[in-house]
């Protein structure tokens, strides 16, 4: 098994590209050398790098970087899907965000990417029954990044959260694969229900800035939710909804709105 992992590491094109970009970044700006070496070039795999970044960002007087690094390393070692999801999230940002010109950028600078990776470690802890530690990760992620994702939420791969300020995702929310959302999105409940009470977002959905999706409702795959909308009822697949409360205003406009990121409503 160790030999297999070594071979995979040696031919990991994603990590090879990230390290090449990191070396170039240091050449272009030597003052960044300490940060880039600590976060990227000192590590042999993307898993180790992400574990380090997770620990460095969330460490505090309440829990040391050493302990958090052990948690991150354990999570990546025990659940290979964490690294698969991390790579998919990275490519989603690179392909959809015009401000992302290198794979290195989200790892170093984008709080949306870093917060989602912290959530994934917290979710792994939650699934292991280590709920108090998962809650701690949620708290620190919220404090550092301004993003509050309950560790019990289920989030797919290829997620892009652009700008990522004031994101809230509740405990029983489900987010499919290849979903894009902008800042100030809420996937919340509508009251004090204690059971399944949060939205179920299908694959390929685009959620505009400031949109609120409330209650245990389904948002169909490849649909669009316009910025500032308040969604209280089910959204069929491949539709665009807008308004307060949101209503269907047309088709989604393309096969993959979360990838195209087209938020213009046709009249």
C-alpha atoms as a PDB file:
ATOM      1  CA  UNK A   1       0.000   0.000   0.000  1.00  0.00           C
ATOM      2  CA  UNK A   2       2.827   2.398   0.876  1.00  0.00           C
ATOM      3  CA  UNK A   3       4.471   1.747  -2.487  1.00  0.00           C
ATOM      4  CA  UNK A   4       1.190   2.414  -4.272  1.00  0.00           C
ATOM      5  CA  UNK A   5       0.749   5.715  -2.450  1.00  0.00           C
ATOM      6  CA  UNK A   6       4.294   6.739  -3.322  1.00  0.00           C
ATOM      7  CA  UNK A   7       3.713   6.047  -6.999  1.00  0.00           C
ATOM      8  CA  UNK A   8       0.470   8.024  -6.947  1.00  0.00           C
ATOM      9  CA  UNK A   9       2.260  10.937  -5.287  1.00  0.00           C
ATOM     10  CA  UNK A  10       5.038  10.923  -7.875  1.00  0.00           C
ATOM     11  CA  UNK A  11       2.600  11.238 -10.770  1.00  0.00           C
ATOM     12  CA  UNK A  12       0.101  13.610  -9.151  1.00  0.00           C
ATOM     13  CA  UNK A  13      -0.216  16.286 -11.867  1.00  0.00           C
ATOM     14  CA  UNK A  14      -2.277  18.604  -9.679  1.00  0.00           C
ATOM     15  CA  UNK A  15       0.340  18.711  -6.947  1.00  0.00           C
ATOM     16  CA  UNK A  16       3.174  18.994  -9.445  1.00  0.00           C
ATOM     17  CA  UNK A  17       1.502  22.033 -10.978  1.00  0.00           C
ATOM     18  CA  UNK A  18       0.900  23.625  -7.567  1.00  0.00           C
ATOM     19  CA  UNK A  19       4.540  23.189  -6.537  1.00  0.00           C
ATOM     20  CA  UNK A  20       5.729  24.610  -9.867  1.00  0.00           C
ATOM     21  CA  UNK A  21       3.485  27.634  -9.352  1.00  0.00           C
ATOM     22  CA  UNK A  22       4.807  27.976  -5.799  1.00  0.00           C
ATOM     23  CA  UNK A  23       8.411  27.994  -6.998  1.00  0.00           C
ATOM     24  CA  UNK A  24       7.556  30.629  -9.574  1.00  0.00           C
ATOM     25  CA  UNK A  25       5.801  32.736  -6.936  1.00  0.00           C
ATOM     26  CA  UNK A  26       8.917  32.731  -4.748  1.00  0.00           C
ATOM     27  CA  UNK A  27      11.100  33.744  -7.684  1.00  0.00           C
ATOM     28  CA  UNK A  28       8.773  36.619  -8.511  1.00  0.00           C
ATOM     29  CA  UNK A  29       8.339  37.783  -4.906  1.00  0.00           C
ATOM     30  CA  UNK A  30      11.087  36.532  -2.547  1.00  0.00           C
ATOM     31  CA  UNK A  31       9.350  38.102   0.455  1.00  0.00           C
ATOM     32  CA  UNK A  32       6.633  35.445   0.049  1.00  0.00           C
ATOM     33  CA  UNK A  33       9.213  32.681   0.370  1.00  0.00           C
ATOM     34  CA  UNK A  34       8.555  31.866   4.025  1.00  0.00           C
ATOM     35  CA  UNK A  35       4.799  31.528   3.552  1.00  0.00           C
ATOM     36  CA  UNK A  36       5.012  29.608   0.293  1.00  0.00           C
ATOM     37  CA  UNK A  37       7.623  27.185   1.604  1.00  0.00           C
ATOM     38  CA  UNK A  38       5.684  26.575   4.833  1.00  0.00           C
ATOM     39  CA  UNK A  39       2.348  26.044   3.075  1.00  0.00           C
ATOM     40  CA  UNK A  40       3.441  24.229  -0.087  1.00  0.00           C
ATOM     41  CA  UNK A  41       7.077  23.512  -0.816  1.00  0.00           C
ATOM     42  CA  UNK A  42       7.843  21.827   2.494  1.00  0.00           C
ATOM     43  CA  UNK A  43       5.208  19.150   1.787  1.00  0.00           C
ATOM     44  CA  UNK A  44       5.310  16.080  -0.438  1.00  0.00           C
ATOM     45  CA  UNK A  45       1.560  15.836  -1.093  1.00  0.00           C
ATOM     46  CA  UNK A  46      -1.461  18.074  -1.363  1.00  0.00           C
ATOM     47  CA  UNK A  47      -2.964  16.241   1.610  1.00  0.00           C
ATOM     48  CA  UNK A  48      -0.054  17.225   3.835  1.00  0.00           C
ATOM     49  CA  UNK A  49      -0.179  20.795   2.576  1.00  0.00           C
ATOM     50  CA  UNK A  50      -3.903  21.124   3.215  1.00  0.00           C
ATOM     51  CA  UNK A  51      -3.529  19.638   6.681  1.00  0.00           C
ATOM     52  CA  UNK A  52      -0.825  22.188   7.475  1.00  0.00           C
ATOM     53  CA  UNK A  53      -2.890  25.089   6.142  1.00  0.00           C
ATOM     54  CA  UNK A  54      -5.931  23.933   8.119  1.00  0.00           C
ATOM     55  CA  UNK A  55      -3.901  23.794  11.320  1.00  0.00           C
ATOM     56  CA  UNK A  56      -2.077  27.073  10.748  1.00  0.00           C
ATOM     57  CA  UNK A  57      -5.283  29.026  10.132  1.00  0.00           C
ATOM     58  CA  UNK A  58      -7.392  27.542  12.937  1.00  0.00           C
ATOM     59  CA  UNK A  59      -4.774  27.304  15.696  1.00  0.00           C
ATOM     60  CA  UNK A  60      -5.345  29.377  18.825  1.00  0.00           C
ATOM     61  CA  UNK A  61      -4.559  29.426  22.532  1.00  0.00           C
ATOM     62  CA  UNK A  62      -7.437  26.983  22.953  1.00  0.00           C
ATOM     63  CA  UNK A  63      -6.031  24.351  20.578  1.00  0.00           C
ATOM     64  CA  UNK A  64      -2.492  24.254  19.279  1.00  0.00           C
ATOM     65  CA  UNK A  65      -1.371  23.931  15.693  1.00  0.00           C
ATOM     66  CA  UNK A  66       0.306  20.624  16.576  1.00  0.00           C
ATOM     67  CA  UNK A  67      -2.969  19.074  17.722  1.00  0.00           C
ATOM     68  CA  UNK A  68      -4.909  20.418  14.746  1.00  0.00           C
ATOM     69  CA  UNK A  69      -2.215  19.134  12.388  1.00  0.00           C
ATOM     70  CA  UNK A  70      -2.593  15.658  13.887  1.00  0.00           C
ATOM     71  CA  UNK A  71      -6.354  15.860  13.353  1.00  0.00           C
ATOM     72  CA  UNK A  72      -5.926  16.934   9.731  1.00  0.00           C
ATOM     73  CA  UNK A  73      -3.340  14.256   8.969  1.00  0.00           C
ATOM     74  CA  UNK A  74      -5.560  11.591  10.519  1.00  0.00           C
ATOM     75  CA  UNK A  75      -8.601  12.724   8.547  1.00  0.00           C
ATOM     76  CA  UNK A  76      -6.784  12.657   5.194  1.00  0.00           C
ATOM     77  CA  UNK A  77      -5.194   9.288   5.993  1.00  0.00           C
ATOM     78  CA  UNK A  78      -8.468   7.669   7.045  1.00  0.00           C
ATOM     79  CA  UNK A  79     -10.713   9.115   4.312  1.00  0.00           C
ATOM     80  CA  UNK A  80      -9.183   9.389   0.807  1.00  0.00           C
ATOM     81  CA  UNK A  81     -12.372  11.110  -0.409  1.00  0.00           C
ATOM     82  CA  UNK A  82     -11.278  14.254   1.422  1.00  0.00           C
ATOM     83  CA  UNK A  83      -8.382  14.680  -0.986  1.00  0.00           C
ATOM     84  CA  UNK A  84     -10.586  13.835  -3.970  1.00  0.00           C
ATOM     85  CA  UNK A  85     -13.048  16.532  -2.916  1.00  0.00           C
ATOM     86  CA  UNK A  86     -10.258  19.021  -2.227  1.00  0.00           C
ATOM     87  CA  UNK A  87      -8.900  18.571  -5.740  1.00  0.00           C
ATOM     88  CA  UNK A  88     -12.368  18.900  -7.265  1.00  0.00           C
ATOM     89  CA  UNK A  89     -13.013  22.088  -5.268  1.00  0.00           C
ATOM     90  CA  UNK A  90      -9.672  23.478  -6.377  1.00  0.00           C
ATOM     91  CA  UNK A  91     -10.391  22.856 -10.049  1.00  0.00           C
ATOM     92  CA  UNK A  92     -13.900  24.290  -9.659  1.00  0.00           C
ATOM     93  CA  UNK A  93     -12.475  27.587  -8.438  1.00  0.00           C
ATOM     94  CA  UNK A  94      -9.762  27.678 -11.085  1.00  0.00           C
ATOM     95  CA  UNK A  95     -12.251  27.029 -13.899  1.00  0.00           C
ATOM     96  CA  UNK A  96     -15.123  29.254 -12.700  1.00  0.00           C
ATOM     97  CA  UNK A  97     -13.534  32.208 -10.896  1.00  0.00           C
ATOM     98  CA  UNK A  98     -11.970  34.746 -13.283  1.00  0.00           C
ATOM     99  CA  UNK A  99      -9.862  36.045 -10.373  1.00  0.00           C
ATOM    100  CA  UNK A 100      -8.153  32.666 -10.009  1.00  0.00           C
ATOM    101  CA  UNK A 101      -5.192  32.371 -12.360  1.00  0.00           C
ATOM    102  CA  UNK A 102      -3.237  29.642 -10.556  1.00  0.00           C
ATOM    103  CA  UNK A 103      -4.104  26.544  -8.540  1.00  0.00           C
ATOM    104  CA  UNK A 104      -1.871  27.948  -5.828  1.00  0.00           C
ATOM    105  CA  UNK A 105      -4.157  30.894  -5.108  1.00  0.00           C
ATOM    106  CA  UNK A 106      -7.065  29.151  -3.337  1.00  0.00           C
ATOM    107  CA  UNK A 107      -4.689  27.237  -1.053  1.00  0.00           C
ATOM    108  CA  UNK A 108      -2.909  30.410   0.032  1.00  0.00           C
ATOM    109  CA  UNK A 109      -5.489  33.178  -0.249  1.00  0.00           C
ATOM    110  CA  UNK A 110      -9.116  32.177  -0.865  1.00  0.00           C
ATOM    111  CA  UNK A 111     -11.080  31.820   2.348  1.00  0.00           C
ATOM    112  CA  UNK A 112     -13.973  30.103   0.581  1.00  0.00           C
ATOM    113  CA  UNK A 113     -11.743  27.201  -0.426  1.00  0.00           C
ATOM    114  CA  UNK A 114      -9.945  27.039   2.913  1.00  0.00           C
ATOM    115  CA  UNK A 115     -13.197  27.141   4.877  1.00  0.00           C
ATOM    116  CA  UNK A 116     -14.739  24.322   2.830  1.00  0.00           C
ATOM    117  CA  UNK A 117     -11.664  22.154   3.436  1.00  0.00           C
ATOM    118  CA  UNK A 118     -11.902  22.888   7.171  1.00  0.00           C
ATOM    119  CA  UNK A 119     -15.595  21.937   7.035  1.00  0.00           C
ATOM    120  CA  UNK A 120     -14.657  18.643   5.360  1.00  0.00           C
ATOM    121  CA  UNK A 121     -12.351  17.745   8.244  1.00  0.00           C
ATOM    122  CA  UNK A 122     -15.067  18.754  10.718  1.00  0.00           C
ATOM    123  CA  UNK A 123     -17.590  16.646   8.823  1.00  0.00           C
ATOM    124  CA  UNK A 124     -15.224  13.663   8.971  1.00  0.00           C
ATOM    125  CA  UNK A 125     -15.011  14.114  12.749  1.00  0.00           C
ATOM    126  CA  UNK A 126     -18.813  14.369  12.930  1.00  0.00           C
ATOM    127  CA  UNK A 127     -19.202  11.098  11.027  1.00  0.00           C
ATOM    128  CA  UNK A 128     -16.731   9.479  13.405  1.00  0.00           C
ATOM    129  CA  UNK A 129     -18.915  10.474  16.365  1.00  0.00           C
ATOM    130  CA  UNK A 130     -16.377  13.046  17.588  1.00  0.00           C
ATOM    131  CA  UNK A 131     -18.968  15.773  17.714  1.00  0.00           C
ATOM    132  CA  UNK A 132     -17.471  18.123  20.284  1.00  0.00           C
ATOM    133  CA  UNK A 133     -14.276  18.354  18.260  1.00  0.00           C
ATOM    134  CA  UNK A 134     -16.352  18.867  15.111  1.00  0.00           C
ATOM    135  CA  UNK A 135     -18.212  21.723  16.792  1.00  0.00           C
ATOM    136  CA  UNK A 136     -14.883  23.271  17.759  1.00  0.00           C
ATOM    137  CA  UNK A 137     -13.734  23.160  14.119  1.00  0.00           C
ATOM    138  CA  UNK A 138     -17.030  24.781  13.082  1.00  0.00           C
ATOM    139  CA  UNK A 139     -16.571  27.535  15.650  1.00  0.00           C
ATOM    140  CA  UNK A 140     -12.984  28.308  14.626  1.00  0.00           C
ATOM    141  CA  UNK A 141     -13.859  28.206  10.930  1.00  0.00           C
ATOM    142  CA  UNK A 142     -16.632  30.721  11.552  1.00  0.00           C
ATOM    143  CA  UNK A 143     -14.360  32.947  13.645  1.00  0.00           C
ATOM    144  CA  UNK A 144     -11.482  32.936  11.140  1.00  0.00           C
ATOM    145  CA  UNK A 145     -13.270  32.874   7.787  1.00  0.00           C
ATOM    146  CA  UNK A 146     -16.740  34.280   8.545  1.00  0.00           C
ATOM    147  CA  UNK A 147     -18.356  31.129   7.161  1.00  0.00           C
ATOM    148  CA  UNK A 148     -20.636  29.004   9.355  1.00  0.00           C
ATOM    149  CA  UNK A 149     -21.106  25.469   8.018  1.00  0.00           C
ATOM    150  CA  UNK A 150     -22.520  22.916  10.424  1.00  0.00           C
ATOM    151  CA  UNK A 151     -20.316  19.788  10.445  1.00  0.00           C
ATOM    152  CA  UNK A 152     -23.402  17.623   9.997  1.00  0.00           C
ATOM    153  CA  UNK A 153     -24.259  19.177   6.627  1.00  0.00           C
ATOM    154  CA  UNK A 154     -23.576  17.055   3.540  1.00  0.00           C
ATOM    155  CA  UNK A 155     -21.644  18.828   0.804  1.00  0.00           C
ATOM    156  CA  UNK A 156     -20.565  17.308  -2.498  1.00  0.00           C
ATOM    157  CA  UNK A 157     -17.464  17.811  -4.630  1.00  0.00           C
ATOM    158  CA  UNK A 158     -16.517  20.610  -6.995  1.00  0.00           C
ATOM    159  CA  UNK A 159     -17.836  23.371  -4.722  1.00  0.00           C
ATOM    160  CA  UNK A 160     -17.015  27.004  -5.380  1.00  0.00           C
ATOM    161  CA  UNK A 161     -17.925  29.644  -2.818  1.00  0.00           C
ATOM    162  CA  UNK A 162     -16.872  32.977  -4.313  1.00  0.00           C
ATOM    163  CA  UNK A 163     -15.900  35.830  -1.969  1.00  0.00           C
ATOM    164  CA  UNK A 164     -17.413  33.620   0.750  1.00  0.00           C
ATOM    165  CA  UNK A 165     -18.387  36.231   3.296  1.00  0.00           C
ATOM    166  CA  UNK A 166     -21.315  35.424   5.634  1.00  0.00           C
ATOM    167  CA  UNK A 167     -22.142  31.974   4.282  1.00  0.00           C
ATOM    168  CA  UNK A 168     -24.467  29.911   6.531  1.00  0.00           C
ATOM    169  CA  UNK A 169     -25.248  26.235   5.883  1.00  0.00           C
ATOM    170  CA  UNK A 170     -27.391  24.375   8.409  1.00  0.00           C
ATOM    171  CA  UNK A 171     -27.056  20.940   9.970  1.00  0.00           C
ATOM    172  CA  UNK A 172     -29.433  18.961   7.733  1.00  0.00           C
ATOM    173  CA  UNK A 173     -28.624  20.825   4.515  1.00  0.00           C
ATOM    174  CA  UNK A 174     -27.474  18.799   1.525  1.00  0.00           C
ATOM    175  CA  UNK A 175     -25.452  20.373  -1.283  1.00  0.00           C
ATOM    176  CA  UNK A 176     -24.813  18.369  -4.441  1.00  0.00           C
ATOM    177  CA  UNK A 177     -21.754  18.232  -6.672  1.00  0.00           C
ATOM    178  CA  UNK A 178     -20.516  21.151  -8.795  1.00  0.00           C
ATOM    179  CA  UNK A 179     -22.508  23.812  -6.955  1.00  0.00           C
ATOM    180  CA  UNK A 180     -21.455  27.471  -7.067  1.00  0.00           C
ATOM    181  CA  UNK A 181     -22.573  30.109  -4.593  1.00  0.00           C
ATOM    182  CA  UNK A 182     -21.585  33.680  -3.868  1.00  0.00           C
ATOM    183  CA  UNK A 183     -21.300  35.617  -0.630  1.00  0.00           C
ATOM    184  CA  UNK A 184     -24.036  35.987   1.986  1.00  0.00           C
ATOM    185  CA  UNK A 185     -25.919  32.840   0.967  1.00  0.00           C
ATOM    186  CA  UNK A 186     -27.984  31.132   3.658  1.00  0.00           C
ATOM    187  CA  UNK A 187     -29.204  27.530   3.532  1.00  0.00           C
ATOM    188  CA  UNK A 188     -31.276  27.679   6.691  1.00  0.00           C
ATOM    189  CA  UNK A 189     -34.360  26.563   8.537  1.00  0.00           C
ATOM    190  CA  UNK A 190     -37.641  28.351   9.072  1.00  0.00           C
ATOM    191  CA  UNK A 191     -38.149  27.898  12.797  1.00  0.00           C
ATOM    192  CA  UNK A 192     -37.293  25.642  15.703  1.00  0.00           C
ATOM    193  CA  UNK A 193     -37.792  22.284  14.012  1.00  0.00           C
ATOM    194  CA  UNK A 194     -35.360  19.683  15.296  1.00  0.00           C
ATOM    195  CA  UNK A 195     -35.487  17.120  12.489  1.00  0.00           C
ATOM    196  CA  UNK A 196     -34.747  17.426   8.766  1.00  0.00           C
ATOM    197  CA  UNK A 197     -35.195  21.168   8.365  1.00  0.00           C
ATOM    198  CA  UNK A 198     -32.730  22.517   5.813  1.00  0.00           C
ATOM    199  CA  UNK A 199     -32.608  22.754   2.002  1.00  0.00           C
ATOM    200  CA  UNK A 200     -31.496  20.034  -0.410  1.00  0.00           C
ATOM    201  CA  UNK A 201     -29.518  21.614  -3.257  1.00  0.00           C
ATOM    202  CA  UNK A 202     -29.156  19.549  -6.431  1.00  0.00           C
ATOM    203  CA  UNK A 203     -26.064  19.135  -8.589  1.00  0.00           C
ATOM    204  CA  UNK A 204     -24.884  22.043 -10.723  1.00  0.00           C
ATOM    205  CA  UNK A 205     -26.958  24.751  -8.995  1.00  0.00           C
ATOM    206  CA  UNK A 206     -25.881  28.403  -9.061  1.00  0.00           C
ATOM    207  CA  UNK A 207     -26.886  30.463  -6.006  1.00  0.00           C
ATOM    208  CA  UNK A 208     -26.475  34.229  -6.318  1.00  0.00           C
ATOM    209  CA  UNK A 209     -25.160  36.628  -3.700  1.00  0.00           C
ATOM    210  CA  UNK A 210     -27.402  37.212  -0.715  1.00  0.00           C
ATOM    211  CA  UNK A 211     -29.893  34.482  -1.631  1.00  0.00           C
ATOM    212  CA  UNK A 212     -31.692  32.706   1.207  1.00  0.00           C
ATOM    213  CA  UNK A 213     -33.045  29.189   0.791  1.00  0.00           C
ATOM    214  CA  UNK A 214     -35.117  28.259   3.833  1.00  0.00           C
ATOM    215  CA  UNK A 215     -36.726  25.054   5.004  1.00  0.00           C
ATOM    216  CA  UNK A 216     -36.616  21.409   3.999  1.00  0.00           C
ATOM    217  CA  UNK A 217     -37.179  22.089   0.304  1.00  0.00           C
ATOM    218  CA  UNK A 218     -35.534  20.773  -2.846  1.00  0.00           C
ATOM    219  CA  UNK A 219     -33.717  22.915  -5.364  1.00  0.00           C
ATOM    220  CA  UNK A 220     -33.550  20.922  -8.596  1.00  0.00           C
ATOM    221  CA  UNK A 221     -30.327  20.221 -10.437  1.00  0.00           C
ATOM    222  CA  UNK A 222     -28.826  22.845 -12.765  1.00  0.00           C
ATOM    223  CA  UNK A 223     -31.170  25.578 -11.563  1.00  0.00           C
ATOM    224  CA  UNK A 224     -30.349  29.216 -10.809  1.00  0.00           C
ATOM    225  CA  UNK A 225     -31.301  31.287  -7.775  1.00  0.00           C
ATOM    226  CA  UNK A 226     -30.985  35.002  -8.459  1.00  0.00           C
ATOM    227  CA  UNK A 227     -29.095  37.296  -6.117  1.00  0.00           C
ATOM    228  CA  UNK A 228     -31.110  38.503  -3.146  1.00  0.00           C
ATOM    229  CA  UNK A 229     -33.903  35.971  -3.579  1.00  0.00           C
ATOM    230  CA  UNK A 230     -35.722  34.289  -0.703  1.00  0.00           C
ATOM    231  CA  UNK A 231     -36.646  30.738  -1.691  1.00  0.00           C
ATOM    232  CA  UNK A 232     -39.411  29.122   0.384  1.00  0.00           C
ATOM    233  CA  UNK A 233     -40.802  26.571  -2.085  1.00  0.00           C
ATOM    234  CA  UNK A 234     -39.363  23.754  -4.185  1.00  0.00           C
ATOM    235  CA  UNK A 235     -37.482  24.758  -7.319  1.00  0.00           C
ATOM    236  CA  UNK A 236     -37.814  22.433 -10.340  1.00  0.00           C
ATOM    237  CA  UNK A 237     -34.668  21.372 -12.197  1.00  0.00           C
ATOM    238  CA  UNK A 238     -33.190  23.677 -14.842  1.00  0.00           C
ATOM    239  CA  UNK A 239     -35.230  26.740 -13.855  1.00  0.00           C
ATOM    240  CA  UNK A 240     -34.358  30.258 -12.747  1.00  0.00           C
ATOM    241  CA  UNK A 241     -36.072  31.706  -9.683  1.00  0.00           C
ATOM    242  CA  UNK A 242     -35.944  35.291  -8.445  1.00  0.00           C
ATOM    243  CA  UNK A 243     -37.658  37.612  -6.014  1.00  0.00           C
ATOM    244  CA  UNK A 244     -38.972  37.794  -2.455  1.00  0.00           C
ATOM    245  CA  UNK A 245     -40.489  35.318  -2.195  1.00  0.00           C
ATOM    246  CA  UNK A 246     -38.816  33.657  -5.169  1.00  0.00           C
ATOM    247  CA  UNK A 247     -40.850  32.651  -8.207  1.00  0.00           C
ATOM    248  CA  UNK A 248     -39.919  30.905 -11.434  1.00  0.00           C
ATOM    249  CA  UNK A 249     -38.926  33.533 -13.988  1.00  0.00           C
ATOM    250  CA  UNK A 250     -37.603  31.319 -16.759  1.00  0.00           C
ATOM    251  CA  UNK A 251     -35.300  28.509 -17.760  1.00  0.00           C
ATOM    252  CA  UNK A 252     -31.817  28.168 -16.299  1.00  0.00           C
ATOM    253  CA  UNK A 253     -30.344  29.509 -19.517  1.00  0.00           C
ATOM    254  CA  UNK A 254     -27.738  26.786 -20.045  1.00  0.00           C
ATOM    255  CA  UNK A 255     -26.983  23.166 -19.196  1.00  0.00           C
ATOM    256  CA  UNK A 256     -24.528  23.971 -16.390  1.00  0.00           C
ATOM    257  CA  UNK A 257     -25.264  27.346 -14.757  1.00  0.00           C
ATOM    258  CA  UNK A 258     -22.918  26.675 -11.844  1.00  0.00           C
ATOM    259  CA  UNK A 259     -20.040  26.314 -14.290  1.00  0.00           C
ATOM    260  CA  UNK A 260     -20.945  29.159 -16.652  1.00  0.00           C
ATOM    261  CA  UNK A 261     -21.633  31.489 -13.667  1.00  0.00           C
ATOM    262  CA  UNK A 262     -24.078  33.454 -15.845  1.00  0.00           C
ATOM    263  CA  UNK A 263     -26.315  35.430 -13.476  1.00  0.00           C
ATOM    264  CA  UNK A 264     -28.001  37.715 -15.989  1.00  0.00           C
ATOM    265  CA  UNK A 265     -31.766  37.299 -16.092  1.00  0.00           C
ATOM    266  CA  UNK A 266     -33.314  37.464 -19.529  1.00  0.00           C
ATOM    267  CA  UNK A 267     -36.372  39.664 -19.995  1.00  0.00           C
END
